[in-house]
C-alpha atoms as a PDB file:
ATOM      1  CA  GLY A   1     -81.735   6.819-138.804  1.00  0.00           C
ATOM      2  CA  TRP A   2     -82.355   3.310-137.099  1.00  0.00           C
ATOM      3  CA  ARG A   3     -79.342   0.949-136.891  1.00  0.00           C
ATOM      4  CA  LYS A   4     -79.628  -3.212-136.705  1.00  0.00           C
ATOM      5  CA  PRO A   5     -80.802  -4.685-135.042  1.00  0.00           C
ATOM      6  CA  HIS A   6     -83.908  -2.145-134.666  1.00  0.00           C
ATOM      7  CA  PRO A   7     -86.694  -3.643-136.297  1.00  0.00           C
ATOM      8  CA  LYS A   8     -87.447  -0.498-138.348  1.00  0.00           C
ATOM      9  CA  ILE A   9     -84.568  -1.440-140.693  1.00  0.00           C
ATOM     10  CA  PHE A  10     -85.965  -4.895-140.846  1.00  0.00           C
ATOM     11  CA  GLU A  11     -89.367  -3.530-141.435  1.00  0.00           C
ATOM     12  CA  GLU A  12     -88.502  -0.961-143.828  1.00  0.00           C
ATOM     13  CA  ALA A  13     -86.495  -3.917-146.096  1.00  0.00           C
ATOM     14  CA  LEU A  14     -89.775  -5.510-145.947  1.00  0.00           C
ATOM     15  CA  SER A  15     -92.081  -2.693-146.816  1.00  0.00           C
ATOM     16  CA  ARG A  16     -89.455  -1.537-150.226  1.00  0.00           C
ATOM     17  CA  LEU A  17     -89.656  -5.520-151.407  1.00  0.00           C
ATOM     18  CA  ARG A  18     -93.344  -6.174-150.466  1.00  0.00           C
ATOM     19  CA  VAL A  19     -92.728  -9.543-148.993  1.00  0.00           C
ATOM     20  CA  LYS A  20     -93.872 -10.089-145.590  1.00  0.00           C
ATOM     21  CA  PRO A  21     -91.206 -11.864-143.240  1.00  0.00           C
ATOM     22  CA  GLU A  22     -92.368 -15.421-143.549  1.00  0.00           C
ATOM     23  CA  GLU A  23     -91.445 -15.189-147.085  1.00  0.00           C
ATOM     24  CA  THR A  24     -87.972 -13.810-146.615  1.00  0.00           C
ATOM     25  CA  VAL A  25     -84.886 -15.309-145.773  1.00  0.00           C
ATOM     26  CA  TYR A  26     -82.145 -13.358-144.604  1.00  0.00           C
ATOM     27  CA  VAL A  27     -78.573 -13.609-144.914  1.00  0.00           C
ATOM     28  CA  GLY A  28     -75.984 -12.265-142.526  1.00  0.00           C
ATOM     29  CA  ASP A  29     -72.586 -12.395-141.041  1.00  0.00           C
ATOM     30  CA  SER A  30     -73.292 -10.435-137.219  1.00  0.00           C
ATOM     31  CA  PRO A  31     -75.408 -12.908-134.868  1.00  0.00           C
ATOM     32  CA  GLU A  32     -76.501  -9.831-132.840  1.00  0.00           C
ATOM     33  CA  GLU A  33     -76.884  -7.072-135.717  1.00  0.00           C
ATOM     34  CA  ASP A  34     -78.512  -9.889-138.367  1.00  0.00           C
ATOM     35  CA  ILE A  35     -79.827 -13.000-137.173  1.00  0.00           C
ATOM     36  CA  LYS A  36     -81.153 -11.277-133.592  1.00  0.00           C
ATOM     37  CA  GLY A  37     -82.648  -8.485-135.891  1.00  0.00           C
ATOM     38  CA  ALA A  38     -84.266 -10.537-138.238  1.00  0.00           C
ATOM     39  CA  LYS A  39     -85.478 -13.611-136.510  1.00  0.00           C
ATOM     40  CA  GLN A  40     -87.291 -10.952-133.895  1.00  0.00           C
ATOM     41  CA  LEU A  41     -89.564  -9.935-136.878  1.00  0.00           C
ATOM     42  CA  GLY A  42     -90.332 -13.162-137.928  1.00  0.00           C
ATOM     43  CA  MET A  43     -88.005 -14.100-141.088  1.00  0.00           C
ATOM     44  CA  ARG A  44     -85.727 -17.066-141.659  1.00  0.00           C
ATOM     45  CA  THR A  45     -81.894 -16.735-141.183  1.00  0.00           C
ATOM     46  CA  ILE A  46     -78.842 -17.826-142.796  1.00  0.00           C
ATOM     47  CA  TYR A  47     -76.052 -17.069-140.589  1.00  0.00           C
ATOM     48  CA  VAL A  48     -72.727 -16.630-142.562  1.00  0.00           C
ATOM     49  CA  GLU A  49     -69.373 -17.189-141.431  1.00  0.00           C
ATOM     50  CA  SER A  50     -66.927 -13.762-141.361  1.00  0.00           C
ATOM     51  CA  GLN A  51     -63.377 -12.794-140.611  1.00  0.00           C
ATOM     52  CA  PHE A  52     -65.605 -10.638-138.250  1.00  0.00           C
ATOM     53  CA  TYR A  53     -67.919 -12.655-136.680  1.00  0.00           C
ATOM     54  CA  PRO A  54     -66.608 -16.782-136.459  1.00  0.00           C
ATOM     55  CA  PHE A  55     -68.517 -19.631-135.395  1.00  0.00           C
ATOM     56  CA  GLU A  56     -67.246 -19.260-131.597  1.00  0.00           C
ATOM     57  CA  ALA A  57     -68.908 -15.407-132.560  1.00  0.00           C
ATOM     58  CA  LEU A  58     -72.338 -17.431-133.142  1.00  0.00           C
ATOM     59  CA  LYS A  59     -71.826 -20.001-129.955  1.00  0.00           C
ATOM     60  CA  ARG A  60     -71.163 -16.806-127.184  1.00  0.00           C
ATOM     61  CA  SER A  61     -74.385 -14.878-128.698  1.00  0.00           C
ATOM     62  CA  MET A  62     -76.727 -17.923-128.000  1.00  0.00           C
ATOM     63  CA  GLN A  63     -78.528 -16.927-131.561  1.00  0.00           C
ATOM     64  CA  THR A  64     -80.390 -19.313-133.407  1.00  0.00           C
ATOM     65  CA  PRO A  65     -80.058 -18.981-136.760  1.00  0.00           C
ATOM     66  CA  ASP A  66     -82.212 -21.301-139.219  1.00  0.00           C
ATOM     67  CA  ALA A  67     -79.353 -22.469-140.807  1.00  0.00           C
ATOM     68  CA  THR A  68     -75.140 -21.680-141.568  1.00  0.00           C
ATOM     69  CA  ALA A  69     -72.464 -21.473-143.632  1.00  0.00           C
ATOM     70  CA  LYS A  70     -68.978 -21.219-143.925  1.00  0.00           C
ATOM     71  CA  ASN A  71     -68.811 -18.956-146.688  1.00  0.00           C
ATOM     72  CA  LEU A  72     -71.022 -17.780-149.472  1.00  0.00           C
ATOM     73  CA  CYS A  73     -71.020 -20.451-151.527  1.00  0.00           C
ATOM     74  CA  GLU A  74     -72.500 -22.313-149.077  1.00  0.00           C
ATOM     75  CA  VAL A  75     -75.293 -20.014-149.088  1.00  0.00           C
ATOM     76  CA  TYR A  76     -77.540 -21.619-151.781  1.00  0.00           C
ATOM     77  CA  ASP A  77     -77.787 -25.031-150.217  1.00  0.00           C
ATOM     78  CA  ALA A  78     -78.269 -23.794-146.964  1.00  0.00           C
ATOM     79  CA  PHE A  79     -81.538 -21.746-148.543  1.00  0.00           C
ATOM     80  CA  LEU A  80     -82.345 -24.747-150.019  1.00  0.00           C
ATOM     81  CA  LYS A  81     -82.803 -26.777-146.551  1.00  0.00           C
ATOM     82  CA  ILE A  82     -84.756 -23.448-145.371  1.00  0.00           C
ATOM     83  CA  VAL A  83     -87.430 -23.618-147.546  1.00  0.00           C
ATOM     84  CA  ASN A  84     -87.154 -27.366-147.799  1.00  0.00           C
ATOM     85  CA  VAL A  85     -86.959 -27.445-152.212  1.00  0.00           C
END
């Protein structure tokens, strides 16, 4: 099988959900696996800081998510900013 950040993983998820990348917001904590992988297909992204991937990891990765959250509780507000609600 495929592993993130390979596009096939994200393409399969989009296909099963029957949505387009531009209709999707991907939430993840890994700058390289989650943010990079989703971005390469045109998904909007929210990076969530975790014990495994602190904000320093995001800075080092040079990936650019559409929004960031310090924890899962902040994801909803980050989502609203992205979708311009």
